[in-house]
PDB file of N, CA and C in Angstrom:
ATOM      1  N   UNK A   1      14.168  -5.289 -12.864  1.00  0.00           N
ATOM      2  CA  UNK A   1      13.183  -5.051 -13.190  1.00  0.00           C
ATOM      3  C   UNK A   1      12.067  -6.235 -11.976  1.00  0.00           C
ATOM      4  N   UNK A   2      12.835  -6.425 -10.541  1.00  0.00           N
ATOM      5  CA  UNK A   2      11.742  -7.070  -9.934  1.00  0.00           C
ATOM      6  C   UNK A   2      10.669  -6.084  -8.891  1.00  0.00           C
ATOM      7  N   UNK A   3      12.047  -4.772  -9.115  1.00  0.00           N
ATOM      8  CA  UNK A   3      11.102  -3.565  -8.413  1.00  0.00           C
ATOM      9  C   UNK A   3      10.137  -2.794  -9.198  1.00  0.00           C
ATOM     10  N   UNK A   4      10.405  -2.984 -10.665  1.00  0.00           N
ATOM     11  CA  UNK A   4       8.487  -2.752 -11.511  1.00  0.00           C
ATOM     12  C   UNK A   4       7.765  -3.646 -11.576  1.00  0.00           C
ATOM     13  N   UNK A   5       8.072  -4.961 -11.357  1.00  0.00           N
ATOM     14  CA  UNK A   5       6.691  -5.379 -11.062  1.00  0.00           C
ATOM     15  C   UNK A   5       6.333  -5.610 -10.140  1.00  0.00           C
ATOM     16  N   UNK A   6       6.674  -5.197  -8.814  1.00  0.00           N
ATOM     17  CA  UNK A   6       6.298  -4.955  -7.654  1.00  0.00           C
ATOM     18  C   UNK A   6       5.248  -3.844  -7.100  1.00  0.00           C
ATOM     19  N   UNK A   7       6.206  -2.772  -7.959  1.00  0.00           N
ATOM     20  CA  UNK A   7       5.105  -1.499  -8.333  1.00  0.00           C
ATOM     21  C   UNK A   7       3.836  -1.687  -8.956  1.00  0.00           C
ATOM     22  N   UNK A   8       3.890  -2.232 -10.141  1.00  0.00           N
ATOM     23  CA  UNK A   8       2.891  -2.926 -10.840  1.00  0.00           C
ATOM     24  C   UNK A   8       1.825  -3.826  -9.536  1.00  0.00           C
ATOM     25  N   UNK A   9       2.203  -4.362  -8.979  1.00  0.00           N
ATOM     26  CA  UNK A   9       1.211  -5.704  -8.518  1.00  0.00           C
ATOM     27  C   UNK A   9       0.945  -4.653  -6.982  1.00  0.00           C
ATOM     28  N   UNK A  10       1.687  -3.784  -6.467  1.00  0.00           N
ATOM     29  CA  UNK A  10       1.414  -3.165  -5.471  1.00  0.00           C
ATOM     30  C   UNK A  10      -0.073  -1.904  -6.130  1.00  0.00           C
ATOM     31  N   UNK A  11       0.219  -1.252  -7.200  1.00  0.00           N
ATOM     32  CA  UNK A  11      -0.977  -0.625  -8.588  1.00  0.00           C
ATOM     33  C   UNK A  11      -2.233  -1.075  -8.576  1.00  0.00           C
ATOM     34  N   UNK A  12      -1.926  -2.749  -8.776  1.00  0.00           N
ATOM     35  CA  UNK A  12      -3.448  -3.193  -9.035  1.00  0.00           C
ATOM     36  C   UNK A  12      -4.156  -3.484  -7.334  1.00  0.00           C
ATOM     37  N   UNK A  13      -3.437  -3.693  -6.314  1.00  0.00           N
ATOM     38  CA  UNK A  13      -3.741  -3.987  -5.109  1.00  0.00           C
ATOM     39  C   UNK A  13      -4.104  -2.806  -4.377  1.00  0.00           C
ATOM     40  N   UNK A  14      -3.687  -1.523  -4.675  1.00  0.00           N
ATOM     41  CA  UNK A  14      -4.073  -0.603  -4.556  1.00  0.00           C
ATOM     42  C   UNK A  14      -5.575   0.210  -5.239  1.00  0.00           C
ATOM     43  N   UNK A  15      -5.284  -0.223  -6.195  1.00  0.00           N
ATOM     44  CA  UNK A  15      -6.609  -0.137  -7.168  1.00  0.00           C
ATOM     45  C   UNK A  15      -7.726  -0.539  -6.831  1.00  0.00           C
ATOM     46  N   UNK A  16      -7.741  -2.195  -6.288  1.00  0.00           N
ATOM     47  CA  UNK A  16      -8.604  -2.881  -6.060  1.00  0.00           C
ATOM     48  C   UNK A  16      -9.137  -2.969  -4.312  1.00  0.00           C
ATOM     49  N   UNK A  17      -8.331  -2.254  -3.852  1.00  0.00           N
ATOM     50  CA  UNK A  17      -8.716  -1.687  -2.599  1.00  0.00           C
ATOM     51  C   UNK A  17      -9.423  -0.768  -2.232  1.00  0.00           C
ATOM     52  N   UNK A  18      -9.254   0.574  -3.860  1.00  0.00           N
ATOM     53  CA  UNK A  18      -9.808   1.431  -3.590  1.00  0.00           C
ATOM     54  C   UNK A  18     -11.660   1.624  -4.023  1.00  0.00           C
ATOM     55  N   UNK A  19     -11.404   0.348  -5.080  1.00  0.00           N
ATOM     56  CA  UNK A  19     -12.870  -0.475  -5.267  1.00  0.00           C
ATOM     57  C   UNK A  19     -13.514  -0.637  -4.299  1.00  0.00           C
ATOM     58  N   UNK A  20     -13.495  -1.206  -3.426  1.00  0.00           N
ATOM     59  CA  UNK A  20     -13.506  -1.999  -2.319  1.00  0.00           C
ATOM     60  C   UNK A  20     -14.567  -1.037  -1.139  1.00  0.00           C
ATOM     61  N   UNK A  21     -13.577  -0.056  -0.890  1.00  0.00           N
ATOM     62  CA  UNK A  21     -13.653   0.157   0.341  1.00  0.00           C
ATOM     63  C   UNK A  21     -14.127   1.839   0.005  1.00  0.00           C
ATOM     64  N   UNK A  22     -15.127   2.432   0.650  1.00  0.00           N
ATOM     65  CA  UNK A  22     -15.383   3.564   0.275  1.00  0.00           C
ATOM     66  C   UNK A  22     -14.276   4.935   1.148  1.00  0.00           C
ATOM     67  N   UNK A  23     -13.865   4.988   2.173  1.00  0.00           N
ATOM     68  CA  UNK A  23     -12.952   5.523   2.871  1.00  0.00           C
ATOM     69  C   UNK A  23     -11.446   5.787   2.045  1.00  0.00           C
ATOM     70  N   UNK A  24     -11.098   4.871   1.353  1.00  0.00           N
ATOM     71  CA  UNK A  24     -10.182   4.537  -0.152  1.00  0.00           C
ATOM     72  C   UNK A  24     -10.174   5.217  -0.852  1.00  0.00           C
ATOM     73  N   UNK A  25      -9.311   6.286  -1.369  1.00  0.00           N
ATOM     74  CA  UNK A  25      -9.570   6.490  -2.857  1.00  0.00           C
ATOM     75  C   UNK A  25      -8.073   6.913  -3.407  1.00  0.00           C
ATOM     76  N   UNK A  26      -8.251   7.195  -4.787  1.00  0.00           N
ATOM     77  CA  UNK A  26      -6.857   8.003  -5.199  1.00  0.00           C
ATOM     78  C   UNK A  26      -7.416   9.326  -5.997  1.00  0.00           C
ATOM     79  N   UNK A  27      -6.732  10.482  -5.872  1.00  0.00           N
ATOM     80  CA  UNK A  27      -7.658  11.342  -6.339  1.00  0.00           C
ATOM     81  C   UNK A  27      -6.296  11.770  -7.392  1.00  0.00           C
ATOM     82  N   UNK A  28      -7.211  12.519  -8.464  1.00  0.00           N
ATOM     83  CA  UNK A  28      -6.228  12.853  -9.879  1.00  0.00           C
ATOM     84  C   UNK A  28      -6.315  12.488 -10.846  1.00  0.00           C
ATOM     85  N   UNK A  29      -5.779  12.430 -12.066  1.00  0.00           N
ATOM     86  CA  UNK A  29      -6.384  12.048 -13.035  1.00  0.00           C
ATOM     87  C   UNK A  29      -6.883  12.146 -13.808  1.00  0.00           C
ATOM     88  N   UNK A  30      -7.336  12.908 -14.870  1.00  0.00           N
ATOM     89  CA  UNK A  30      -8.676  13.421 -15.442  1.00  0.00           C
ATOM     90  C   UNK A  30      -9.115  12.388 -16.061  1.00  0.00           C
ATOM     91  N   UNK A  31      -8.167  11.587 -17.268  1.00  0.00           N
ATOM     92  CA  UNK A  31      -8.620  10.546 -17.953  1.00  0.00           C
ATOM     93  C   UNK A  31      -7.750   9.168 -17.415  1.00  0.00           C
ATOM     94  N   UNK A  32      -8.320   7.742 -18.424  1.00  0.00           N
ATOM     95  CA  UNK A  32      -7.935   6.784 -18.037  1.00  0.00           C
ATOM     96  C   UNK A  32      -6.599   6.983 -17.467  1.00  0.00           C
ATOM     97  N   UNK A  33      -6.072   7.437 -18.311  1.00  0.00           N
ATOM     98  CA  UNK A  33      -4.273   7.371 -18.440  1.00  0.00           C
ATOM     99  C   UNK A  33      -3.934   7.708 -16.949  1.00  0.00           C
ATOM    100  N   UNK A  34      -4.415   9.071 -17.437  1.00  0.00           N
ATOM    101  CA  UNK A  34      -4.480   9.903 -15.961  1.00  0.00           C
ATOM    102  C   UNK A  34      -3.782   9.196 -14.567  1.00  0.00           C
ATOM    103  N   UNK A  35      -5.318   8.298 -14.785  1.00  0.00           N
ATOM    104  CA  UNK A  35      -5.499   7.519 -13.479  1.00  0.00           C
ATOM    105  C   UNK A  35      -4.931   6.428 -12.933  1.00  0.00           C
ATOM    106  N   UNK A  36      -4.364   6.264 -14.260  1.00  0.00           N
ATOM    107  CA  UNK A  36      -3.055   5.341 -14.173  1.00  0.00           C
ATOM    108  C   UNK A  36      -1.800   5.398 -14.065  1.00  0.00           C
ATOM    109  N   UNK A  37      -1.443   6.453 -14.374  1.00  0.00           N
ATOM    110  CA  UNK A  37      -0.327   7.133 -13.896  1.00  0.00           C
ATOM    111  C   UNK A  37      -0.419   7.358 -12.462  1.00  0.00           C
ATOM    112  N   UNK A  38      -1.455   8.068 -12.230  1.00  0.00           N
ATOM    113  CA  UNK A  38      -1.553   7.845 -10.512  1.00  0.00           C
ATOM    114  C   UNK A  38      -1.334   7.131  -9.835  1.00  0.00           C
ATOM    115  N   UNK A  39      -2.110   6.139 -10.346  1.00  0.00           N
ATOM    116  CA  UNK A  39      -2.104   5.083  -9.557  1.00  0.00           C
ATOM    117  C   UNK A  39      -0.439   4.286  -9.013  1.00  0.00           C
ATOM    118  N   UNK A  40       0.081   4.239 -10.286  1.00  0.00           N
ATOM    119  CA  UNK A  40       1.235   3.675 -10.076  1.00  0.00           C
ATOM    120  C   UNK A  40       2.452   4.677  -9.845  1.00  0.00           C
ATOM    121  N   UNK A  41       1.883   5.962 -10.046  1.00  0.00           N
ATOM    122  CA  UNK A  41       3.065   6.629  -8.698  1.00  0.00           C
ATOM    123  C   UNK A  41       2.865   6.704  -7.342  1.00  0.00           C
ATOM    124  N   UNK A  42       1.185   6.131  -6.716  1.00  0.00           N
ATOM    125  CA  UNK A  42       1.255   6.108  -5.061  1.00  0.00           C
ATOM    126  C   UNK A  42       1.237   4.431  -5.190  1.00  0.00           C
ATOM    127  N   UNK A  43       1.922   3.758  -5.886  1.00  0.00           N
ATOM    128  CA  UNK A  43       2.369   2.401  -6.044  1.00  0.00           C
ATOM    129  C   UNK A  43       4.349   2.514  -5.528  1.00  0.00           C
ATOM    130  N   UNK A  44       4.552   3.555  -6.752  1.00  0.00           N
ATOM    131  CA  UNK A  44       5.568   3.632  -6.567  1.00  0.00           C
ATOM    132  C   UNK A  44       6.401   4.188  -4.749  1.00  0.00           C
ATOM    133  N   UNK A  45       5.671   5.152  -4.669  1.00  0.00           N
ATOM    134  CA  UNK A  45       5.541   6.001  -3.195  1.00  0.00           C
ATOM    135  C   UNK A  45       5.502   5.273  -2.174  1.00  0.00           C
ATOM    136  N   UNK A  46       4.477   4.140  -2.595  1.00  0.00           N
ATOM    137  CA  UNK A  46       4.443   2.754  -1.357  1.00  0.00           C
ATOM    138  C   UNK A  46       5.173   1.989  -1.388  1.00  0.00           C
ATOM    139  N   UNK A  47       5.872   1.636  -2.621  1.00  0.00           N
ATOM    140  CA  UNK A  47       7.176   0.836  -2.807  1.00  0.00           C
ATOM    141  C   UNK A  47       8.171   1.098  -2.034  1.00  0.00           C
ATOM    142  N   UNK A  48       8.185   2.260  -2.267  1.00  0.00           N
ATOM    143  CA  UNK A  48       9.456   3.119  -1.321  1.00  0.00           C
ATOM    144  C   UNK A  48       9.768   3.326   0.214  1.00  0.00           C
ATOM    145  N   UNK A  49       8.245   3.516   0.130  1.00  0.00           N
ATOM    146  CA  UNK A  49       7.622   3.395   1.842  1.00  0.00           C
ATOM    147  C   UNK A  49       8.035   2.183   2.338  1.00  0.00           C
ATOM    148  N   UNK A  50       7.632   1.297   1.639  1.00  0.00           N
ATOM    149  CA  UNK A  50       7.969  -0.493   2.026  1.00  0.00           C
ATOM    150  C   UNK A  50       9.965  -0.586   2.426  1.00  0.00           C
ATOM    151  N   UNK A  51      10.370  -0.112   0.924  1.00  0.00           N
ATOM    152  CA  UNK A  51      11.744  -0.455   1.167  1.00  0.00           C
ATOM    153  C   UNK A  51      12.732   0.177   2.363  1.00  0.00           C
ATOM    154  N   UNK A  52      12.029   1.227   2.578  1.00  0.00           N
ATOM    155  CA  UNK A  52      12.908   2.326   3.296  1.00  0.00           C
ATOM    156  C   UNK A  52      12.415   2.222   4.857  1.00  0.00           C
ATOM    157  N   UNK A  53      11.153   2.371   5.170  1.00  0.00           N
ATOM    158  CA  UNK A  53      10.637   2.661   6.443  1.00  0.00           C
ATOM    159  C   UNK A  53      10.293   1.725   7.075  1.00  0.00           C
ATOM    160  N   UNK A  54       9.785   0.698   6.237  1.00  0.00           N
ATOM    161  CA  UNK A  54       9.119  -0.809   7.096  1.00  0.00           C
ATOM    162  C   UNK A  54      10.108  -1.772   7.719  1.00  0.00           C
ATOM    163  N   UNK A  55      11.423  -1.670   7.111  1.00  0.00           N
ATOM    164  CA  UNK A  55      12.470  -2.562   8.282  1.00  0.00           C
ATOM    165  C   UNK A  55      12.905  -2.150   9.153  1.00  0.00           C
ATOM    166  N   UNK A  56      12.531  -0.480   9.017  1.00  0.00           N
ATOM    167  CA  UNK A  56      13.057  -0.225  10.435  1.00  0.00           C
ATOM    168  C   UNK A  56      11.827  -0.053  11.407  1.00  0.00           C
ATOM    169  N   UNK A  57      10.709   0.138  11.088  1.00  0.00           N
ATOM    170  CA  UNK A  57       9.572  -0.028  12.031  1.00  0.00           C
ATOM    171  C   UNK A  57       9.521  -1.542  12.523  1.00  0.00           C
ATOM    172  N   UNK A  58       9.835  -2.523  11.718  1.00  0.00           N
ATOM    173  CA  UNK A  58       9.617  -3.918  11.848  1.00  0.00           C
ATOM    174  C   UNK A  58      10.644  -3.572  12.911  1.00  0.00           C
ATOM    175  N   UNK A  59      11.846  -3.709  13.216  1.00  0.00           N
ATOM    176  CA  UNK A  59      13.093  -3.794  14.000  1.00  0.00           C
ATOM    177  C   UNK A  59      12.120  -2.782  15.325  1.00  0.00           C
ATOM    178  N   UNK A  60      12.313  -2.071  15.108  1.00  0.00           N
ATOM    179  CA  UNK A  60      11.903  -1.444  16.662  1.00  0.00           C
ATOM    180  C   UNK A  60      10.585  -2.157  17.242  1.00  0.00           C
ATOM    181  N   UNK A  61       9.613  -2.535  16.646  1.00  0.00           N
ATOM    182  CA  UNK A  61       8.319  -3.198  16.901  1.00  0.00           C
ATOM    183  C   UNK A  61       8.265  -4.532  17.180  1.00  0.00           C
ATOM    184  N   UNK A  62       9.736  -5.188  17.114  1.00  0.00           N
ATOM    185  CA  UNK A  62      10.089  -6.661  17.113  1.00  0.00           C
ATOM    186  C   UNK A  62       9.331  -7.177  18.084  1.00  0.00           C
ATOM    187  N   UNK A  63       9.455  -6.567  19.351  1.00  0.00           N
ATOM    188  CA  UNK A  63       8.633  -7.198  20.882  1.00  0.00           C
ATOM    189  C   UNK A  63       6.982  -7.178  20.361  1.00  0.00           C
ATOM    190  N   UNK A  64       6.628  -6.199  19.922  1.00  0.00           N
ATOM    191  CA  UNK A  64       5.127  -6.098  19.336  1.00  0.00           C
ATOM    192  C   UNK A  64       4.712  -7.398  18.814  1.00  0.00           C
ATOM    193  N   UNK A  65       5.773  -7.770  18.057  1.00  0.00           N
ATOM    194  CA  UNK A  65       5.377  -8.859  16.796  1.00  0.00           C
ATOM    195  C   UNK A  65       5.335  -9.854  17.735  1.00  0.00           C
ATOM    196  N   UNK A  66       6.677 -10.571  18.618  1.00  0.00           N
ATOM    197  CA  UNK A  66       6.383 -11.275  19.298  1.00  0.00           C
ATOM    198  C   UNK A  66       5.301 -11.554  20.057  1.00  0.00           C
ATOM    199  N   UNK A  67       4.500 -10.288  20.727  1.00  0.00           N
ATOM    200  CA  UNK A  67       3.593 -10.826  21.876  1.00  0.00           C
ATOM    201  C   UNK A  67       1.990 -10.963  20.836  1.00  0.00           C
ATOM    202  N   UNK A  68       1.933 -10.552  19.618  1.00  0.00           N
ATOM    203  CA  UNK A  68       0.795 -10.869  19.143  1.00  0.00           C
ATOM    204  C   UNK A  68       1.039 -11.542  18.097  1.00  0.00           C
ATOM    205  N   UNK A  69       1.977 -12.642  18.331  1.00  0.00           N
ATOM    206  CA  UNK A  69       2.341 -13.707  17.396  1.00  0.00           C
ATOM    207  C   UNK A  69       2.201 -13.345  15.587  1.00  0.00           C
ATOM    208  N   UNK A  70       2.931 -11.984  15.241  1.00  0.00           N
ATOM    209  CA  UNK A  70       2.877 -11.459  14.003  1.00  0.00           C
ATOM    210  C   UNK A  70       1.123 -10.714  13.862  1.00  0.00           C
ATOM    211  N   UNK A  71       0.246 -10.695  14.472  1.00  0.00           N
ATOM    212  CA  UNK A  71      -0.726  -9.856  14.094  1.00  0.00           C
ATOM    213  C   UNK A  71      -0.738  -8.370  13.940  1.00  0.00           C
ATOM    214  N   UNK A  72       0.757  -7.989  14.590  1.00  0.00           N
ATOM    215  CA  UNK A  72       1.008  -6.475  14.128  1.00  0.00           C
ATOM    216  C   UNK A  72       1.589  -5.861  13.021  1.00  0.00           C
ATOM    217  N   UNK A  73       1.723  -6.967  12.485  1.00  0.00           N
ATOM    218  CA  UNK A  73       2.111  -6.702  10.943  1.00  0.00           C
ATOM    219  C   UNK A  73       1.429  -5.922  10.144  1.00  0.00           C
ATOM    220  N   UNK A  74      -0.432  -6.492  10.794  1.00  0.00           N
ATOM    221  CA  UNK A  74      -1.450  -5.553   9.371  1.00  0.00           C
ATOM    222  C   UNK A  74      -1.080  -4.172   9.963  1.00  0.00           C
ATOM    223  N   UNK A  75      -0.884  -3.897  11.400  1.00  0.00           N
ATOM    224  CA  UNK A  75      -0.784  -2.899  12.342  1.00  0.00           C
ATOM    225  C   UNK A  75       0.283  -1.577  11.235  1.00  0.00           C
ATOM    226  N   UNK A  76       1.252  -2.455  11.000  1.00  0.00           N
ATOM    227  CA  UNK A  76       2.535  -1.786  10.285  1.00  0.00           C
ATOM    228  C   UNK A  76       2.161  -1.351   8.723  1.00  0.00           C
ATOM    229  N   UNK A  77       1.739  -2.702   8.213  1.00  0.00           N
ATOM    230  CA  UNK A  77       1.250  -2.529   7.033  1.00  0.00           C
ATOM    231  C   UNK A  77       0.226  -1.096   6.786  1.00  0.00           C
ATOM    232  N   UNK A  78      -0.656  -0.783   7.950  1.00  0.00           N
ATOM    233  CA  UNK A  78      -1.803   0.063   8.224  1.00  0.00           C
ATOM    234  C   UNK A  78      -1.088   1.516   7.974  1.00  0.00           C
ATOM    235  N   UNK A  79       0.274   1.442   9.255  1.00  0.00           N
ATOM    236  CA  UNK A  79       1.030   2.647   9.034  1.00  0.00           C
ATOM    237  C   UNK A  79       1.692   3.374   7.870  1.00  0.00           C
ATOM    238  N   UNK A  80       1.865   2.005   6.617  1.00  0.00           N
ATOM    239  CA  UNK A  80       2.937   2.296   5.999  1.00  0.00           C
ATOM    240  C   UNK A  80       1.883   2.732   4.819  1.00  0.00           C
ATOM    241  N   UNK A  81       0.855   2.462   5.088  1.00  0.00           N
ATOM    242  CA  UNK A  81      -0.063   2.926   3.758  1.00  0.00           C
ATOM    243  C   UNK A  81      -0.475   4.203   3.921  1.00  0.00           C
ATOM    244  N   UNK A  82      -0.621   4.404   5.464  1.00  0.00           N
ATOM    245  CA  UNK A  82      -1.293   6.148   6.303  1.00  0.00           C
ATOM    246  C   UNK A  82      -0.003   7.156   5.880  1.00  0.00           C
ATOM    247  N   UNK A  83       0.992   6.720   5.983  1.00  0.00           N
ATOM    248  CA  UNK A  83       2.507   7.245   5.584  1.00  0.00           C
ATOM    249  C   UNK A  83       2.444   7.630   4.121  1.00  0.00           C
ATOM    250  N   UNK A  84       2.187   6.742   3.123  1.00  0.00           N
ATOM    251  CA  UNK A  84       2.259   6.827   1.832  1.00  0.00           C
ATOM    252  C   UNK A  84       1.127   7.778   1.660  1.00  0.00           C
ATOM    253  N   UNK A  85      -0.047   7.768   2.222  1.00  0.00           N
ATOM    254  CA  UNK A  85      -1.226   8.979   1.983  1.00  0.00           C
ATOM    255  C   UNK A  85      -0.603  10.217   2.422  1.00  0.00           C
ATOM    256  N   UNK A  86      -0.145  10.392   3.483  1.00  0.00           N
ATOM    257  CA  UNK A  86       0.575  11.462   4.058  1.00  0.00           C
ATOM    258  C   UNK A  86       1.528  11.902   3.338  1.00  0.00           C
ATOM    259  N   UNK A  87       1.931  11.412   2.620  1.00  0.00           N
ATOM    260  CA  UNK A  87       3.475  12.133   1.876  1.00  0.00           C
ATOM    261  C   UNK A  87       2.683  12.625   0.244  1.00  0.00           C
ATOM    262  N   UNK A  88       1.517  11.737   0.102  1.00  0.00           N
ATOM    263  CA  UNK A  88       0.785  12.153  -1.411  1.00  0.00           C
ATOM    264  C   UNK A  88       0.026  13.517  -1.554  1.00  0.00           C
ATOM    265  N   UNK A  89      -0.186  13.182   0.161  1.00  0.00           N
ATOM    266  CA  UNK A  89      -1.471  14.441   0.468  1.00  0.00           C
ATOM    267  C   UNK A  89      -0.549  16.008   0.147  1.00  0.00           C
ATOM    268  N   UNK A  90       0.469  15.757   0.055  1.00  0.00           N
ATOM    269  CA  UNK A  90       0.584  17.761  -0.184  1.00  0.00           C
ATOM    270  C   UNK A  90       0.838  17.761  -1.419  1.00  0.00           C
ATOM    271  N   UNK A  91       0.216  17.192  -2.322  1.00  0.00           N
ATOM    272  CA  UNK A  91      -0.005  17.168  -3.887  1.00  0.00           C
ATOM    273  C   UNK A  91      -1.669  17.450  -3.959  1.00  0.00           C
ATOM    274  N   UNK A  92      -2.022  17.587  -5.231  1.00  0.00           N
ATOM    275  CA  UNK A  92      -3.288  17.464  -5.639  1.00  0.00           C
ATOM    276  C   UNK A  92      -3.474  16.143  -6.237  1.00  0.00           C
ATOM    277  N   UNK A  93      -2.875  15.140  -6.371  1.00  0.00           N
ATOM    278  CA  UNK A  93      -2.715  13.708  -6.761  1.00  0.00           C
ATOM    279  C   UNK A  93      -2.287  13.183  -5.481  1.00  0.00           C
ATOM    280  N   UNK A  94      -3.276  11.516  -5.295  1.00  0.00           N
ATOM    281  CA  UNK A  94      -2.465  10.716  -4.494  1.00  0.00           C
ATOM    282  C   UNK A  94      -3.596  10.056  -3.757  1.00  0.00           C
ATOM    283  N   UNK A  95      -3.229   9.497  -2.358  1.00  0.00           N
ATOM    284  CA  UNK A  95      -3.926   8.593  -1.783  1.00  0.00           C
ATOM    285  C   UNK A  95      -4.721   9.759  -0.795  1.00  0.00           C
ATOM    286  N   UNK A  96      -6.213   8.922  -0.632  1.00  0.00           N
ATOM    287  CA  UNK A  96      -6.661   9.613   0.442  1.00  0.00           C
ATOM    288  C   UNK A  96      -7.512   8.706   1.222  1.00  0.00           C
ATOM    289  N   UNK A  97      -6.989   8.833   2.816  1.00  0.00           N
ATOM    290  CA  UNK A  97      -7.615   7.868   3.551  1.00  0.00           C
ATOM    291  C   UNK A  97      -8.406   8.388   4.873  1.00  0.00           C
ATOM    292  N   UNK A  98      -9.360   7.913   4.676  1.00  0.00           N
ATOM    293  CA  UNK A  98     -10.590   8.366   5.996  1.00  0.00           C
ATOM    294  C   UNK A  98     -10.078   8.616   7.101  1.00  0.00           C
ATOM    295  N   UNK A  99      -9.651   7.265   7.735  1.00  0.00           N
ATOM    296  CA  UNK A  99      -8.983   7.091   9.444  1.00  0.00           C
ATOM    297  C   UNK A  99      -8.087   5.627   8.937  1.00  0.00           C
ATOM    298  N   UNK A 100      -7.938   5.405  10.479  1.00  0.00           N
ATOM    299  CA  UNK A 100      -7.342   4.103  10.939  1.00  0.00           C
ATOM    300  C   UNK A 100      -7.882   3.228  10.108  1.00  0.00           C
ATOM    301  N   UNK A 101      -9.088   2.905  11.002  1.00  0.00           N
ATOM    302  CA  UNK A 101     -10.065   1.907  10.264  1.00  0.00           C
ATOM    303  C   UNK A 101     -10.187   1.264   9.027  1.00  0.00           C
ATOM    304  N   UNK A 102     -10.113   2.455   7.881  1.00  0.00           N
ATOM    305  CA  UNK A 102      -9.839   2.056   6.544  1.00  0.00           C
ATOM    306  C   UNK A 102      -8.401   1.741   6.090  1.00  0.00           C
ATOM    307  N   UNK A 103      -7.988   2.273   6.948  1.00  0.00           N
ATOM    308  CA  UNK A 103      -6.061   1.826   6.795  1.00  0.00           C
ATOM    309  C   UNK A 103      -6.084   0.255   6.705  1.00  0.00           C
ATOM    310  N   UNK A 104      -6.457   0.527   8.186  1.00  0.00           N
ATOM    311  CA  UNK A 104      -6.334  -1.682   8.469  1.00  0.00           C
ATOM    312  C   UNK A 104      -7.090  -2.206   7.337  1.00  0.00           C
ATOM    313  N   UNK A 105      -7.834  -2.173   6.600  1.00  0.00           N
ATOM    314  CA  UNK A 105      -8.823  -2.595   5.865  1.00  0.00           C
ATOM    315  C   UNK A 105      -8.180  -3.013   4.368  1.00  0.00           C
ATOM    316  N   UNK A 106      -7.847  -1.709   4.197  1.00  0.00           N
ATOM    317  CA  UNK A 106      -6.961  -1.090   3.095  1.00  0.00           C
ATOM    318  C   UNK A 106      -5.433  -2.070   2.961  1.00  0.00           C
ATOM    319  N   UNK A 107      -5.185  -2.093   4.094  1.00  0.00           N
ATOM    320  CA  UNK A 107      -3.719  -2.387   4.471  1.00  0.00           C
ATOM    321  C   UNK A 107      -3.539  -4.226   3.997  1.00  0.00           C
ATOM    322  N   UNK A 108      -4.865  -4.673   4.849  1.00  0.00           N
ATOM    323  CA  UNK A 108      -5.490  -6.095   4.555  1.00  0.00           C
ATOM    324  C   UNK A 108      -5.415  -6.711   3.252  1.00  0.00           C
ATOM    325  N   UNK A 109      -6.265  -5.883   2.795  1.00  0.00           N
ATOM    326  CA  UNK A 109      -6.622  -5.780   0.388  1.00  0.00           C
ATOM    327  C   UNK A 109      -5.512  -5.764   0.063  1.00  0.00           C
ATOM    328  N   UNK A 110      -4.586  -5.106   0.619  1.00  0.00           N
ATOM    329  CA  UNK A 110      -3.170  -4.743  -0.233  1.00  0.00           C
ATOM    330  C   UNK A 110      -2.387  -5.700  -0.230  1.00  0.00           C
ATOM    331  N   UNK A 111      -2.579  -6.539   0.954  1.00  0.00           N
ATOM    332  CA  UNK A 111      -1.425  -7.416   1.207  1.00  0.00           C
ATOM    333  C   UNK A 111      -2.078  -8.544   0.418  1.00  0.00           C
ATOM    334  N   UNK A 112      -2.786  -9.158   0.825  1.00  0.00           N
ATOM    335  CA  UNK A 112      -3.889 -10.495   0.001  1.00  0.00           C
ATOM    336  C   UNK A 112      -3.683 -10.034  -1.569  1.00  0.00           C
ATOM    337  N   UNK A 113      -4.029  -9.145  -1.738  1.00  0.00           N
ATOM    338  CA  UNK A 113      -4.175  -8.734  -3.381  1.00  0.00           C
ATOM    339  C   UNK A 113      -2.321  -8.927  -3.432  1.00  0.00           C
ATOM    340  N   UNK A 114      -1.839  -8.460  -3.111  1.00  0.00           N
ATOM    341  CA  UNK A 114       0.094  -8.270  -3.431  1.00  0.00           C
ATOM    342  C   UNK A 114       0.547  -9.765  -3.333  1.00  0.00           C
ATOM    343  N   UNK A 115      -0.113 -10.710  -2.265  1.00  0.00           N
ATOM    344  CA  UNK A 115       0.364 -12.159  -2.428  1.00  0.00           C
ATOM    345  C   UNK A 115       0.148 -12.687  -3.081  1.00  0.00           C
ATOM    346  N   UNK A 116      -1.222 -13.145  -3.821  1.00  0.00           N
ATOM    347  CA  UNK A 116      -1.696 -13.591  -4.724  1.00  0.00           C
ATOM    348  C   UNK A 116      -1.411 -13.415  -5.948  1.00  0.00           C
ATOM    349  N   UNK A 117      -1.080 -12.321  -6.056  1.00  0.00           N
ATOM    350  CA  UNK A 117      -0.806 -11.811  -7.584  1.00  0.00           C
ATOM    351  C   UNK A 117       0.783 -11.850  -7.654  1.00  0.00           C
ATOM    352  N   UNK A 118       1.721 -12.197  -6.453  1.00  0.00           N
ATOM    353  CA  UNK A 118       3.308 -12.374  -6.121  1.00  0.00           C
ATOM    354  C   UNK A 118       3.195 -13.797  -6.447  1.00  0.00           C
ATOM    355  N   UNK A 119       2.350 -14.505  -5.959  1.00  0.00           N
ATOM    356  CA  UNK A 119       2.454 -15.685  -6.087  1.00  0.00           C
ATOM    357  C   UNK A 119       2.425 -16.366  -7.180  1.00  0.00           C
ATOM    358  N   UNK A 120       0.802 -15.791  -8.649  1.00  0.00           N
ATOM    359  CA  UNK A 120       0.852 -16.066  -9.744  1.00  0.00           C
ATOM    360  C   UNK A 120       1.708 -15.603 -10.895  1.00  0.00           C
ATOM    361  N   UNK A 121       2.659 -14.243 -10.060  1.00  0.00           N
ATOM    362  CA  UNK A 121       4.080 -13.699 -11.026  1.00  0.00           C
ATOM    363  C   UNK A 121       4.912 -14.821 -10.792  1.00  0.00           C
ATOM    364  N   UNK A 122       5.372 -15.003  -9.664  1.00  0.00           N
ATOM    365  CA  UNK A 122       6.692 -15.920  -9.551  1.00  0.00           C
ATOM    366  C   UNK A 122       6.817 -17.070 -10.442  1.00  0.00           C
ATOM    367  N   UNK A 123       7.496 -17.100 -11.469  1.00  0.00           N
ATOM    368  CA  UNK A 123       7.864 -18.312 -12.185  1.00  0.00           C
ATOM    369  C   UNK A 123       8.794 -19.110 -12.192  1.00  0.00           C
ATOM    370  N   UNK A 124       9.480 -19.221 -11.037  1.00  0.00           N
ATOM    371  CA  UNK A 124      10.983 -19.762 -10.791  1.00  0.00           C
ATOM    372  C   UNK A 124      11.165 -20.983 -10.788  1.00  0.00           C
TER     373      UNK A 124
END
């Protein structure tokens, strides 16, 4: 159940990032329901990338995390967003990112929105 909530939160965060950034867009889905489905699929791919690839990248780049006092997290998050876009580029739907700068800003927006929504939905 927790993974489903994470996917929904990531979906909302990616959707808000696409509204704010002109170089970040979700393609596919002719109707509103189709668009929501595509956003949820992109969020699912993003969640899987974060669950599988991100821990390995964090371990390998640990010296950079220490050297930059944790600011390298933003670069890793941007790379995870770009990897999600690269995976979904193989289809006619998915996430499209213009450049690395857009990915960094998109990762910042997705991180902040995900943090806020996670804090609001966490009722322990």
